[in-house]
Amino acid sequence: MLLFKLDWHWLEMALNWYSPFPLSVALESRLADLGLRRFEGVVDTLPAGSLLIYLQPHALLERSPGLGSETLLQALTEGYGAVASVQAQHRLMVDWRLEALEPDVLASWLSDEHFTPEVTATAPTPSDPLLVMLLQDLFAKVPELLDHYLDLELQAELAQTSADTDYIERLLEGLDADQLLAYWRVKEQQQQRLFFVETELRFATTALAETKAELEQSRAQLQQLEETHPPAQAHVEPPVELSPVCPPDLDDSGWQDVIDAHPLESHDPEEWLRYGAALLHRLEPGPQQAHQQQQAALAFIQARQAGASEQAVKGVQEQVVRAQLQRALQLVVRAAG
């Protein structure tokens, strides 16, 4: 494509292009490859012989989906007006015809006012039926908007295609009740899924906050128990570094198996840490919650007495919070899928 810039640098009559509308990246790239630059000044000062580019009405909404109806109406009215006010001094073509031209054909047209390009493509139509209905409503409110577009079509280079004078009729031809019903059903399903995901996310956020609060309460009870029942120093071995003891893939029944299988006479710090983690995983709201938290706190005391370090205890407790958060997020992801 660089050869185009070198070979066609002599395009003196169309070194600039201007459009009040957003163009596709592909078209802007092609124009740049041909050596044309976008004119950023006031349209009235656009050098003679420049290239003016306009869009079909629906194309602006497709490329700027965030526009409201009033903003869309203003953008189309002002954009068409700006192009029409200076079109007599410049080359004029709609974007989809420009995109359909081969680079050498486009360059020939820009350099020779007597050259007639040829396009074999047909005018695009929107696939969104709601967009068609929106345009129909805009044209009903402001009939001159469609007139502005059709006036540009009649003044522009058509590249041996027909002027898009039946624009609104062509859009309405493809609009039927079945298409609208199918589209409405898709939108309704999307709304229902979005509501479900938001509900699950709120539930997961609440559950996470409750888990964190329970963990803080367990830590406070653990500290209180340590103060009232300090471990016998003579039986405490030097703290040892422990490997992770909380398998992240256990379900509720798996954690219950850990609790059931734990030997209360054990002197293994990892077994006590795993037991305490299992008790935290199995915490359930209700009258037994405080007793369960106390059991978990006692398990961590036993782990310390068996040689677990403070860092190991806190690490296991944090593993519990991360595992519960991961489980909550997985629920949200499954709901979104």
C-alpha atoms as a PDB file:
ATOM      1  CA  MET A   1       0.000   0.000   0.000  1.00  0.00           C
ATOM      2  CA  LEU A   2       2.981   2.326   0.465  1.00  0.00           C
ATOM      3  CA  LEU A   3       3.399   2.330  -3.354  1.00  0.00           C
ATOM      4  CA  PHE A   4       0.094   4.136  -3.622  1.00  0.00           C
ATOM      5  CA  LYS A   5       1.474   6.994  -1.568  1.00  0.00           C
ATOM      6  CA  LEU A   6       4.596   7.190  -3.748  1.00  0.00           C
ATOM      7  CA  ASP A   7       2.852   6.793  -7.112  1.00  0.00           C
ATOM      8  CA  TRP A   8      -0.138   9.015  -6.413  1.00  0.00           C
ATOM      9  CA  HIS A   9       1.436  11.895  -4.520  1.00  0.00           C
ATOM     10  CA  TRP A  10       0.421  14.019  -7.508  1.00  0.00           C
ATOM     11  CA  LEU A  11      -3.271  13.956  -6.511  1.00  0.00           C
ATOM     12  CA  GLU A  12      -3.461  17.742  -6.324  1.00  0.00           C
ATOM     13  CA  MET A  13      -7.216  18.074  -6.496  1.00  0.00           C
ATOM     14  CA  ALA A  14      -8.111  15.800  -3.610  1.00  0.00           C
ATOM     15  CA  LEU A  15      -5.392  15.849  -0.981  1.00  0.00           C
ATOM     16  CA  ASN A  16      -7.940  16.348   1.801  1.00  0.00           C
ATOM     17  CA  TRP A  17     -11.042  14.532   2.864  1.00  0.00           C
ATOM     18  CA  TYR A  18     -13.763  15.698   5.226  1.00  0.00           C
ATOM     19  CA  SER A  19     -16.712  14.078   6.958  1.00  0.00           C
ATOM     20  CA  PRO A  20     -18.794  15.229   9.908  1.00  0.00           C
ATOM     21  CA  PHE A  21     -19.521  11.560  10.631  1.00  0.00           C
ATOM     22  CA  PRO A  22     -17.403   8.693  12.039  1.00  0.00           C
ATOM     23  CA  LEU A  23     -15.943   6.519   9.273  1.00  0.00           C
ATOM     24  CA  SER A  24     -14.869   2.895   9.481  1.00  0.00           C
ATOM     25  CA  VAL A  25     -11.259   2.160  10.359  1.00  0.00           C
ATOM     26  CA  ALA A  26     -10.836   0.346   7.031  1.00  0.00           C
ATOM     27  CA  LEU A  27     -11.940   3.346   4.997  1.00  0.00           C
ATOM     28  CA  GLU A  28      -9.792   5.803   6.935  1.00  0.00           C
ATOM     29  CA  SER A  29      -6.808   3.498   6.463  1.00  0.00           C
ATOM     30  CA  ARG A  30      -7.418   3.280   2.711  1.00  0.00           C
ATOM     31  CA  LEU A  31      -7.616   7.043   2.391  1.00  0.00           C
ATOM     32  CA  ALA A  32      -4.393   7.418   4.330  1.00  0.00           C
ATOM     33  CA  ASP A  33      -2.667   4.868   2.077  1.00  0.00           C
ATOM     34  CA  LEU A  34      -3.671   6.967  -0.928  1.00  0.00           C
ATOM     35  CA  GLY A  35      -2.028  10.010   0.647  1.00  0.00           C
ATOM     36  CA  LEU A  36      -5.249  11.792   1.633  1.00  0.00           C
ATOM     37  CA  ARG A  37      -5.367  13.490   4.996  1.00  0.00           C
ATOM     38  CA  ARG A  38      -8.389  14.337   7.122  1.00  0.00           C
ATOM     39  CA  PHE A  39      -9.260  18.034   7.135  1.00  0.00           C
ATOM     40  CA  GLU A  40      -9.701  19.212  10.724  1.00  0.00           C
ATOM     41  CA  GLY A  41     -10.610  22.857  10.093  1.00  0.00           C
ATOM     42  CA  VAL A  42     -13.911  24.632   9.480  1.00  0.00           C
ATOM     43  CA  VAL A  43     -15.700  23.094   6.516  1.00  0.00           C
ATOM     44  CA  ASP A  44     -16.051  26.501   4.808  1.00  0.00           C
ATOM     45  CA  THR A  45     -12.253  26.650   4.535  1.00  0.00           C
ATOM     46  CA  LEU A  46     -11.880  23.194   3.003  1.00  0.00           C
ATOM     47  CA  PRO A  47      -9.533  23.427  -0.028  1.00  0.00           C
ATOM     48  CA  ALA A  48     -11.330  23.126  -3.371  1.00  0.00           C
ATOM     49  CA  GLY A  49     -11.377  19.672  -4.908  1.00  0.00           C
ATOM     50  CA  SER A  50     -11.370  17.804  -1.601  1.00  0.00           C
ATOM     51  CA  LEU A  51     -13.326  14.635  -0.933  1.00  0.00           C
ATOM     52  CA  LEU A  52     -16.589  14.936   1.015  1.00  0.00           C
ATOM     53  CA  ILE A  53     -17.975  11.780   2.646  1.00  0.00           C
ATOM     54  CA  TYR A  54     -21.445  11.251   4.085  1.00  0.00           C
ATOM     55  CA  LEU A  55     -23.239   8.260   5.663  1.00  0.00           C
ATOM     56  CA  GLN A  56     -26.624   6.620   5.392  1.00  0.00           C
ATOM     57  CA  PRO A  57     -28.827   7.659   8.356  1.00  0.00           C
ATOM     58  CA  HIS A  58     -28.751   4.241  10.021  1.00  0.00           C
ATOM     59  CA  ALA A  59     -24.960   3.959   9.692  1.00  0.00           C
ATOM     60  CA  LEU A  60     -24.415   6.795  12.175  1.00  0.00           C
ATOM     61  CA  LEU A  61     -26.497   5.041  14.823  1.00  0.00           C
ATOM     62  CA  GLU A  62     -24.740   1.717  14.199  1.00  0.00           C
ATOM     63  CA  ARG A  63     -21.341   3.344  14.729  1.00  0.00           C
ATOM     64  CA  SER A  64     -22.468   5.485  17.661  1.00  0.00           C
ATOM     65  CA  PRO A  65     -24.944   3.268  19.572  1.00  0.00           C
ATOM     66  CA  GLY A  66     -24.838   5.499  22.643  1.00  0.00           C
ATOM     67  CA  LEU A  67     -26.565   8.412  20.892  1.00  0.00           C
ATOM     68  CA  GLY A  68     -30.046   9.340  22.052  1.00  0.00           C
ATOM     69  CA  SER A  69     -32.753  10.174  19.532  1.00  0.00           C
ATOM     70  CA  GLU A  70     -32.364  13.954  19.959  1.00  0.00           C
ATOM     71  CA  THR A  71     -28.572  13.786  19.669  1.00  0.00           C
ATOM     72  CA  LEU A  72     -28.858  11.536  16.620  1.00  0.00           C
ATOM     73  CA  LEU A  73     -31.301  13.916  14.988  1.00  0.00           C
ATOM     74  CA  GLN A  74     -29.001  16.878  15.625  1.00  0.00           C
ATOM     75  CA  ALA A  75     -25.910  15.055  14.358  1.00  0.00           C
ATOM     76  CA  LEU A  76     -27.607  13.994  11.123  1.00  0.00           C
ATOM     77  CA  THR A  77     -29.188  17.386  10.470  1.00  0.00           C
ATOM     78  CA  GLU A  78     -26.012  19.358  11.115  1.00  0.00           C
ATOM     79  CA  GLY A  79     -23.800  16.828   9.330  1.00  0.00           C
ATOM     80  CA  TYR A  80     -25.886  16.702   6.158  1.00  0.00           C
ATOM     81  CA  GLY A  81     -26.199  20.474   6.233  1.00  0.00           C
ATOM     82  CA  ALA A  82     -22.431  20.979   6.516  1.00  0.00           C
ATOM     83  CA  VAL A  83     -21.746  18.665   3.559  1.00  0.00           C
ATOM     84  CA  ALA A  84     -24.498  20.171   1.399  1.00  0.00           C
ATOM     85  CA  SER A  85     -23.283  23.723   2.033  1.00  0.00           C
ATOM     86  CA  VAL A  86     -19.944  23.134   0.272  1.00  0.00           C
ATOM     87  CA  GLN A  87     -20.524  20.071  -1.929  1.00  0.00           C
ATOM     88  CA  ALA A  88     -20.489  22.049  -5.195  1.00  0.00           C
ATOM     89  CA  GLN A  89     -16.742  22.674  -4.880  1.00  0.00           C
ATOM     90  CA  HIS A  90     -15.690  19.119  -3.989  1.00  0.00           C
ATOM     91  CA  ARG A  91     -15.951  15.427  -4.811  1.00  0.00           C
ATOM     92  CA  LEU A  92     -18.899  13.820  -2.993  1.00  0.00           C
ATOM     93  CA  MET A  93     -19.532  10.130  -2.262  1.00  0.00           C
ATOM     94  CA  VAL A  94     -21.206   8.010   0.430  1.00  0.00           C
ATOM     95  CA  ASP A  95     -18.901   5.857   2.547  1.00  0.00           C
ATOM     96  CA  TRP A  96     -20.143   2.421   1.427  1.00  0.00           C
ATOM     97  CA  ARG A  97     -19.440   3.192  -2.255  1.00  0.00           C
ATOM     98  CA  LEU A  98     -15.948   4.407  -1.379  1.00  0.00           C
ATOM     99  CA  GLU A  99     -15.279   1.204   0.554  1.00  0.00           C
ATOM    100  CA  ALA A 100     -16.381  -0.861  -2.465  1.00  0.00           C
ATOM    101  CA  LEU A 101     -13.918   0.848  -4.855  1.00  0.00           C
ATOM    102  CA  GLU A 102     -10.542  -0.715  -5.516  1.00  0.00           C
ATOM    103  CA  PRO A 103      -7.662   1.583  -4.482  1.00  0.00           C
ATOM    104  CA  ASP A 104      -6.485   2.169  -8.072  1.00  0.00           C
ATOM    105  CA  VAL A 105     -10.033   2.986  -9.222  1.00  0.00           C
ATOM    106  CA  LEU A 106     -10.484   5.405  -6.326  1.00  0.00           C
ATOM    107  CA  ALA A 107      -7.175   7.085  -7.120  1.00  0.00           C
ATOM    108  CA  SER A 108      -8.121   7.451 -10.789  1.00  0.00           C
ATOM    109  CA  TRP A 109     -11.437   9.049  -9.891  1.00  0.00           C
ATOM    110  CA  LEU A 110      -9.823  11.506  -7.486  1.00  0.00           C
ATOM    111  CA  SER A 111      -7.213  12.551 -10.035  1.00  0.00           C
ATOM    112  CA  ASP A 112      -9.466  12.762 -13.123  1.00  0.00           C
ATOM    113  CA  GLU A 113     -12.822  14.493 -12.945  1.00  0.00           C
ATOM    114  CA  HIS A 114     -13.888  12.827 -16.207  1.00  0.00           C
ATOM    115  CA  PHE A 115     -13.226   9.291 -14.947  1.00  0.00           C
ATOM    116  CA  THR A 116     -16.356   7.372 -13.943  1.00  0.00           C
ATOM    117  CA  PRO A 117     -15.770   4.662 -11.285  1.00  0.00           C
ATOM    118  CA  GLU A 118     -17.919   1.566 -11.081  1.00  0.00           C
ATOM    119  CA  VAL A 119     -19.241  -0.132  -7.932  1.00  0.00           C
ATOM    120  CA  THR A 120     -20.886  -3.549  -7.945  1.00  0.00           C
ATOM    121  CA  ALA A 121     -21.972  -3.511  -4.268  1.00  0.00           C
ATOM    122  CA  THR A 122     -25.529  -2.784  -3.145  1.00  0.00           C
ATOM    123  CA  ALA A 123     -26.622  -0.296  -0.499  1.00  0.00           C
ATOM    124  CA  PRO A 124     -26.423  -1.727   3.033  1.00  0.00           C
ATOM    125  CA  THR A 125     -29.492  -2.106   5.237  1.00  0.00           C
ATOM    126  CA  PRO A 126     -29.605  -2.331   9.051  1.00  0.00           C
ATOM    127  CA  SER A 127     -30.147  -5.736  10.609  1.00  0.00           C
ATOM    128  CA  ASP A 128     -31.664  -4.386  13.832  1.00  0.00           C
ATOM    129  CA  PRO A 129     -35.464  -3.987  13.454  1.00  0.00           C
ATOM    130  CA  LEU A 130     -35.608  -1.594  16.398  1.00  0.00           C
ATOM    131  CA  LEU A 131     -33.164   0.686  14.612  1.00  0.00           C
ATOM    132  CA  VAL A 132     -35.449   0.734  11.581  1.00  0.00           C
ATOM    133  CA  MET A 133     -38.403   1.663  13.788  1.00  0.00           C
ATOM    134  CA  LEU A 134     -36.381   4.445  15.405  1.00  0.00           C
ATOM    135  CA  LEU A 135     -35.465   5.894  12.010  1.00  0.00           C
ATOM    136  CA  GLN A 136     -39.076   5.668  10.869  1.00  0.00           C
ATOM    137  CA  ASP A 137     -40.116   7.656  13.932  1.00  0.00           C
ATOM    138  CA  LEU A 138     -37.391  10.285  13.299  1.00  0.00           C
ATOM    139  CA  PHE A 139     -38.417  10.681   9.670  1.00  0.00           C
ATOM    140  CA  ALA A 140     -42.054  11.059  10.715  1.00  0.00           C
ATOM    141  CA  LYS A 141     -41.124  13.826  13.154  1.00  0.00           C
ATOM    142  CA  VAL A 142     -38.640  15.564  10.869  1.00  0.00           C
ATOM    143  CA  PRO A 143     -39.443  14.725   7.220  1.00  0.00           C
ATOM    144  CA  GLU A 144     -36.740  17.059   5.905  1.00  0.00           C
ATOM    145  CA  LEU A 145     -34.083  14.812   7.469  1.00  0.00           C
ATOM    146  CA  LEU A 146     -34.715  12.139   4.839  1.00  0.00           C
ATOM    147  CA  ASP A 147     -34.829  14.869   2.186  1.00  0.00           C
ATOM    148  CA  HIS A 148     -31.342  16.053   3.190  1.00  0.00           C
ATOM    149  CA  TYR A 149     -29.953  12.540   2.722  1.00  0.00           C
ATOM    150  CA  LEU A 150     -31.705  12.047  -0.628  1.00  0.00           C
ATOM    151  CA  ASP A 151     -30.475  15.444  -1.868  1.00  0.00           C
ATOM    152  CA  LEU A 152     -26.895  14.351  -1.207  1.00  0.00           C
ATOM    153  CA  GLU A 153     -27.544  11.085  -3.047  1.00  0.00           C
ATOM    154  CA  LEU A 154     -28.729  13.006  -6.100  1.00  0.00           C
ATOM    155  CA  GLN A 155     -25.652  15.272  -6.053  1.00  0.00           C
ATOM    156  CA  ALA A 156     -23.021  12.615  -5.249  1.00  0.00           C
ATOM    157  CA  GLU A 157     -20.924  10.381  -7.495  1.00  0.00           C
ATOM    158  CA  LEU A 158     -22.976   7.165  -7.659  1.00  0.00           C
ATOM    159  CA  ALA A 159     -20.284   5.031  -9.318  1.00  0.00           C
ATOM    160  CA  GLN A 160     -22.783   3.621 -11.813  1.00  0.00           C
ATOM    161  CA  THR A 161     -25.263   2.589  -9.114  1.00  0.00           C
ATOM    162  CA  SER A 162     -28.767   3.905  -8.516  1.00  0.00           C
ATOM    163  CA  ALA A 163     -29.434   6.739  -6.117  1.00  0.00           C
ATOM    164  CA  ASP A 164     -30.822   5.496  -2.810  1.00  0.00           C
ATOM    165  CA  THR A 165     -34.146   7.264  -3.346  1.00  0.00           C
ATOM    166  CA  ASP A 166     -36.180   4.345  -1.974  1.00  0.00           C
ATOM    167  CA  TYR A 167     -34.170   4.271   1.248  1.00  0.00           C
ATOM    168  CA  ILE A 168     -37.013   4.173   3.781  1.00  0.00           C
ATOM    169  CA  GLU A 169     -39.149   1.831   1.652  1.00  0.00           C
ATOM    170  CA  ARG A 170     -36.214  -0.583   1.337  1.00  0.00           C
ATOM    171  CA  LEU A 171     -35.706  -0.589   5.102  1.00  0.00           C
ATOM    172  CA  LEU A 172     -39.362  -1.266   5.787  1.00  0.00           C
ATOM    173  CA  GLU A 173     -39.547  -4.117   3.275  1.00  0.00           C
ATOM    174  CA  GLY A 174     -37.411  -6.328   5.475  1.00  0.00           C
ATOM    175  CA  LEU A 175     -39.352  -5.497   8.620  1.00  0.00           C
ATOM    176  CA  ASP A 176     -42.007  -8.063   9.526  1.00  0.00           C
ATOM    177  CA  ALA A 177     -43.835  -9.238  12.639  1.00  0.00           C
ATOM    178  CA  ASP A 178     -41.866 -12.477  12.981  1.00  0.00           C
ATOM    179  CA  GLN A 179     -38.550 -10.631  12.939  1.00  0.00           C
ATOM    180  CA  LEU A 180     -39.736  -8.166  15.573  1.00  0.00           C
ATOM    181  CA  LEU A 181     -41.135 -10.945  17.762  1.00  0.00           C
ATOM    182  CA  ALA A 182     -37.903 -12.943  17.576  1.00  0.00           C
ATOM    183  CA  TYR A 183     -35.865  -9.847  18.376  1.00  0.00           C
ATOM    184  CA  TRP A 184     -38.125  -8.989  21.314  1.00  0.00           C
ATOM    185  CA  ARG A 185     -37.762 -12.515  22.702  1.00  0.00           C
ATOM    186  CA  VAL A 186     -33.968 -12.305  22.536  1.00  0.00           C
ATOM    187  CA  LYS A 187     -34.003  -8.966  24.329  1.00  0.00           C
ATOM    188  CA  GLU A 188     -36.409 -10.303  26.947  1.00  0.00           C
ATOM    189  CA  GLN A 189     -34.158 -13.311  27.606  1.00  0.00           C
ATOM    190  CA  GLN A 190     -31.153 -11.019  27.930  1.00  0.00           C
ATOM    191  CA  GLN A 191     -32.995  -8.862  30.439  1.00  0.00           C
ATOM    192  CA  GLN A 192     -34.040 -11.875  32.483  1.00  0.00           C
ATOM    193  CA  ARG A 193     -30.504 -13.263  32.494  1.00  0.00           C
ATOM    194  CA  LEU A 194     -29.104  -9.882  33.488  1.00  0.00           C
ATOM    195  CA  PHE A 195     -31.569  -9.658  36.389  1.00  0.00           C
ATOM    196  CA  PHE A 196     -30.619 -13.167  37.539  1.00  0.00           C
ATOM    197  CA  VAL A 197     -26.888 -12.397  37.384  1.00  0.00           C
ATOM    198  CA  GLU A 198     -27.330  -9.142  39.296  1.00  0.00           C
ATOM    199  CA  THR A 199     -29.340 -10.969  41.960  1.00  0.00           C
ATOM    200  CA  GLU A 200     -26.669 -13.669  42.285  1.00  0.00           C
ATOM    201  CA  LEU A 201     -23.953 -11.040  42.489  1.00  0.00           C
ATOM    202  CA  ARG A 202     -25.762  -9.204  45.274  1.00  0.00           C
ATOM    203  CA  PHE A 203     -26.200 -12.499  47.135  1.00  0.00           C
ATOM    204  CA  ALA A 204     -22.509 -13.375  46.670  1.00  0.00           C
ATOM    205  CA  THR A 205     -21.434  -9.932  47.887  1.00  0.00           C
ATOM    206  CA  THR A 206     -23.628 -10.245  50.980  1.00  0.00           C
ATOM    207  CA  ALA A 207     -22.342 -13.762  51.670  1.00  0.00           C
ATOM    208  CA  LEU A 208     -18.746 -12.586  51.376  1.00  0.00           C
ATOM    209  CA  ALA A 209     -19.348  -9.728  53.802  1.00  0.00           C
ATOM    210  CA  GLU A 210     -20.972 -12.117  56.275  1.00  0.00           C
ATOM    211  CA  THR A 211     -18.051 -14.563  55.937  1.00  0.00           C
ATOM    212  CA  LYS A 212     -15.530 -11.827  56.614  1.00  0.00           C
ATOM    213  CA  ALA A 213     -17.505 -10.714  59.661  1.00  0.00           C
ATOM    214  CA  GLU A 214     -17.650 -14.307  60.930  1.00  0.00           C
ATOM    215  CA  LEU A 215     -13.906 -14.676  60.443  1.00  0.00           C
ATOM    216  CA  GLU A 216     -13.212 -11.514  62.407  1.00  0.00           C
ATOM    217  CA  GLN A 217     -15.507 -12.769  65.171  1.00  0.00           C
ATOM    218  CA  SER A 218     -13.683 -16.103  65.215  1.00  0.00           C
ATOM    219  CA  ARG A 219     -10.346 -14.331  65.479  1.00  0.00           C
ATOM    220  CA  ALA A 220     -11.621 -12.232  68.359  1.00  0.00           C
ATOM    221  CA  GLN A 221     -12.857 -15.356  70.175  1.00  0.00           C
ATOM    222  CA  LEU A 222      -9.556 -17.064  69.476  1.00  0.00           C
ATOM    223  CA  GLN A 223      -7.645 -14.169  71.004  1.00  0.00           C
ATOM    224  CA  GLN A 224      -9.932 -14.156  74.030  1.00  0.00           C
ATOM    225  CA  LEU A 225      -9.494 -17.903  74.536  1.00  0.00           C
ATOM    226  CA  GLU A 226      -5.724 -17.593  74.243  1.00  0.00           C
ATOM    227  CA  GLU A 227      -5.702 -14.909  76.900  1.00  0.00           C
ATOM    228  CA  THR A 228      -7.766 -17.014  79.310  1.00  0.00           C
ATOM    229  CA  HIS A 229      -6.117 -20.354  78.410  1.00  0.00           C
ATOM    230  CA  PRO A 230      -2.484 -19.639  77.541  1.00  0.00           C
ATOM    231  CA  PRO A 231      -0.637 -22.654  76.110  1.00  0.00           C
ATOM    232  CA  ALA A 232       1.829 -24.451  78.382  1.00  0.00           C
ATOM    233  CA  GLN A 233       5.232 -23.220  77.282  1.00  0.00           C
ATOM    234  CA  ALA A 234       6.954 -26.449  78.267  1.00  0.00           C
ATOM    235  CA  HIS A 235       5.021 -28.397  75.686  1.00  0.00           C
ATOM    236  CA  VAL A 236       5.262 -25.914  72.847  1.00  0.00           C
ATOM    237  CA  GLU A 237       7.616 -26.856  70.052  1.00  0.00           C
ATOM    238  CA  PRO A 238       9.302 -24.246  67.813  1.00  0.00           C
ATOM    239  CA  PRO A 239       6.941 -22.952  65.122  1.00  0.00           C
ATOM    240  CA  VAL A 240       7.206 -24.827  61.871  1.00  0.00           C
ATOM    241  CA  GLU A 241       6.402 -23.657  58.347  1.00  0.00           C
ATOM    242  CA  LEU A 242       3.461 -25.573  56.929  1.00  0.00           C
ATOM    243  CA  SER A 243       2.385 -26.289  53.394  1.00  0.00           C
ATOM    244  CA  PRO A 244      -1.163 -25.288  52.318  1.00  0.00           C
ATOM    245  CA  VAL A 245      -3.645 -27.506  54.129  1.00  0.00           C
ATOM    246  CA  CYS A 246      -6.968 -26.376  52.646  1.00  0.00           C
ATOM    247  CA  PRO A 247      -7.746 -28.111  49.361  1.00  0.00           C
ATOM    248  CA  PRO A 248      -9.725 -25.502  47.366  1.00  0.00           C
ATOM    249  CA  ASP A 249     -11.856 -28.049  45.516  1.00  0.00           C
ATOM    250  CA  LEU A 250     -13.692 -29.679  48.447  1.00  0.00           C
ATOM    251  CA  ASP A 251     -17.461 -29.331  48.591  1.00  0.00           C
ATOM    252  CA  ASP A 252     -19.557 -29.192  51.766  1.00  0.00           C
ATOM    253  CA  SER A 253     -19.600 -32.990  52.125  1.00  0.00           C
ATOM    254  CA  GLY A 254     -15.827 -33.057  51.711  1.00  0.00           C
ATOM    255  CA  TRP A 255     -15.304 -30.605  54.547  1.00  0.00           C
ATOM    256  CA  GLN A 256     -17.712 -32.594  56.701  1.00  0.00           C
ATOM    257  CA  ASP A 257     -15.590 -35.699  56.054  1.00  0.00           C
ATOM    258  CA  VAL A 258     -12.536 -33.780  57.294  1.00  0.00           C
ATOM    259  CA  ILE A 259     -14.406 -32.919  60.502  1.00  0.00           C
ATOM    260  CA  ASP A 260     -15.653 -36.467  61.029  1.00  0.00           C
ATOM    261  CA  ALA A 261     -12.221 -38.008  60.426  1.00  0.00           C
ATOM    262  CA  HIS A 262     -10.230 -35.649  62.636  1.00  0.00           C
ATOM    263  CA  PRO A 263      -8.552 -37.398  65.622  1.00  0.00           C
ATOM    264  CA  LEU A 264      -9.020 -35.199  68.678  1.00  0.00           C
ATOM    265  CA  GLU A 265      -5.886 -36.692  70.266  1.00  0.00           C
ATOM    266  CA  SER A 266      -3.758 -35.558  67.311  1.00  0.00           C
ATOM    267  CA  HIS A 267      -0.502 -33.599  67.841  1.00  0.00           C
ATOM    268  CA  ASP A 268      -0.105 -32.795  64.140  1.00  0.00           C
ATOM    269  CA  PRO A 269      -0.438 -29.006  63.559  1.00  0.00           C
ATOM    270  CA  GLU A 270      -1.540 -29.509  59.948  1.00  0.00           C
ATOM    271  CA  GLU A 271      -4.407 -31.753  61.018  1.00  0.00           C
ATOM    272  CA  TRP A 272      -5.620 -29.140  63.515  1.00  0.00           C
ATOM    273  CA  LEU A 273      -5.342 -26.353  60.905  1.00  0.00           C
ATOM    274  CA  ARG A 274      -7.300 -28.446  58.424  1.00  0.00           C
ATOM    275  CA  TYR A 275      -9.880 -29.218  61.101  1.00  0.00           C
ATOM    276  CA  GLY A 276     -10.284 -25.526  61.953  1.00  0.00           C
ATOM    277  CA  ALA A 277     -10.626 -24.634  58.274  1.00  0.00           C
ATOM    278  CA  ALA A 278     -13.282 -27.324  57.814  1.00  0.00           C
ATOM    279  CA  LEU A 279     -15.246 -25.957  60.765  1.00  0.00           C
ATOM    280  CA  LEU A 280     -15.165 -22.454  59.245  1.00  0.00           C
ATOM    281  CA  HIS A 281     -16.280 -23.812  55.865  1.00  0.00           C
ATOM    282  CA  ARG A 282     -19.219 -25.538  57.503  1.00  0.00           C
ATOM    283  CA  LEU A 283     -20.417 -22.498  59.454  1.00  0.00           C
ATOM    284  CA  GLU A 284     -24.151 -22.086  59.062  1.00  0.00           C
ATOM    285  CA  PRO A 285     -26.369 -19.238  60.266  1.00  0.00           C
ATOM    286  CA  GLY A 286     -28.471 -20.212  63.235  1.00  0.00           C
ATOM    287  CA  PRO A 287     -28.374 -20.872  66.954  1.00  0.00           C
ATOM    288  CA  GLN A 288     -25.306 -23.157  66.605  1.00  0.00           C
ATOM    289  CA  GLN A 289     -23.191 -20.584  64.801  1.00  0.00           C
ATOM    290  CA  ALA A 290     -21.501 -19.218  67.926  1.00  0.00           C
ATOM    291  CA  HIS A 291     -20.678 -22.752  69.119  1.00  0.00           C
ATOM    292  CA  GLN A 292     -19.209 -23.613  65.698  1.00  0.00           C
ATOM    293  CA  GLN A 293     -17.046 -20.504  65.749  1.00  0.00           C
ATOM    294  CA  GLN A 294     -15.808 -21.382  69.227  1.00  0.00           C
ATOM    295  CA  GLN A 295     -14.910 -24.893  68.043  1.00  0.00           C
ATOM    296  CA  ALA A 296     -12.919 -23.421  65.126  1.00  0.00           C
ATOM    297  CA  ALA A 297     -11.106 -21.058  67.491  1.00  0.00           C
ATOM    298  CA  LEU A 298     -10.189 -23.957  69.806  1.00  0.00           C
ATOM    299  CA  ALA A 299      -8.913 -25.920  66.796  1.00  0.00           C
ATOM    300  CA  PHE A 300      -6.529 -23.107  65.904  1.00  0.00           C
ATOM    301  CA  ILE A 301      -5.348 -22.925  69.532  1.00  0.00           C
ATOM    302  CA  GLN A 302      -4.551 -26.623  69.372  1.00  0.00           C
ATOM    303  CA  ALA A 303      -2.690 -26.032  66.106  1.00  0.00           C
ATOM    304  CA  ARG A 304      -0.502 -23.397  67.790  1.00  0.00           C
ATOM    305  CA  GLN A 305       0.174 -25.665  70.727  1.00  0.00           C
ATOM    306  CA  ALA A 306       1.227 -28.384  68.283  1.00  0.00           C
ATOM    307  CA  GLY A 307       3.718 -26.022  66.637  1.00  0.00           C
ATOM    308  CA  ALA A 308       1.818 -23.998  64.028  1.00  0.00           C
ATOM    309  CA  SER A 309       3.011 -20.421  63.623  1.00  0.00           C
ATOM    310  CA  GLU A 310       0.761 -17.358  63.754  1.00  0.00           C
ATOM    311  CA  GLN A 311       1.426 -16.856  60.056  1.00  0.00           C
ATOM    312  CA  ALA A 312       0.234 -20.387  59.271  1.00  0.00           C
ATOM    313  CA  VAL A 313      -2.987 -19.882  61.252  1.00  0.00           C
ATOM    314  CA  LYS A 314      -3.780 -16.581  59.524  1.00  0.00           C
ATOM    315  CA  GLY A 315      -2.889 -18.089  56.168  1.00  0.00           C
ATOM    316  CA  VAL A 316      -5.412 -20.894  56.619  1.00  0.00           C
ATOM    317  CA  GLN A 317      -8.116 -18.460  57.702  1.00  0.00           C
ATOM    318  CA  GLU A 318      -7.452 -16.307  54.650  1.00  0.00           C
ATOM    319  CA  GLN A 319      -7.622 -19.416  52.465  1.00  0.00           C
ATOM    320  CA  VAL A 320     -11.119 -19.994  53.747  1.00  0.00           C
ATOM    321  CA  VAL A 321     -12.221 -16.485  52.765  1.00  0.00           C
ATOM    322  CA  ARG A 322     -10.643 -16.770  49.313  1.00  0.00           C
ATOM    323  CA  ALA A 323     -12.238 -20.172  48.714  1.00  0.00           C
ATOM    324  CA  GLN A 324     -15.674 -18.876  49.664  1.00  0.00           C
ATOM    325  CA  LEU A 325     -15.230 -15.819  47.456  1.00  0.00           C
ATOM    326  CA  GLN A 326     -14.175 -18.018  44.552  1.00  0.00           C
ATOM    327  CA  ARG A 327     -17.232 -20.198  45.062  1.00  0.00           C
ATOM    328  CA  ALA A 328     -19.488 -17.133  45.037  1.00  0.00           C
ATOM    329  CA  LEU A 329     -17.909 -15.838  41.834  1.00  0.00           C
ATOM    330  CA  GLN A 330     -18.303 -19.226  40.175  1.00  0.00           C
ATOM    331  CA  LEU A 331     -22.020 -19.091  40.961  1.00  0.00           C
ATOM    332  CA  VAL A 332     -22.230 -15.706  39.265  1.00  0.00           C
ATOM    333  CA  VAL A 333     -20.310 -16.902  36.207  1.00  0.00           C
ATOM    334  CA  ARG A 334     -22.536 -19.969  35.851  1.00  0.00           C
ATOM    335  CA  ALA A 335     -25.609 -17.779  36.130  1.00  0.00           C
ATOM    336  CA  ALA A 336     -24.267 -15.441  33.453  1.00  0.00           C
ATOM    337  CA  GLY A 337     -23.566 -18.383  31.133  1.00  0.00           C
END
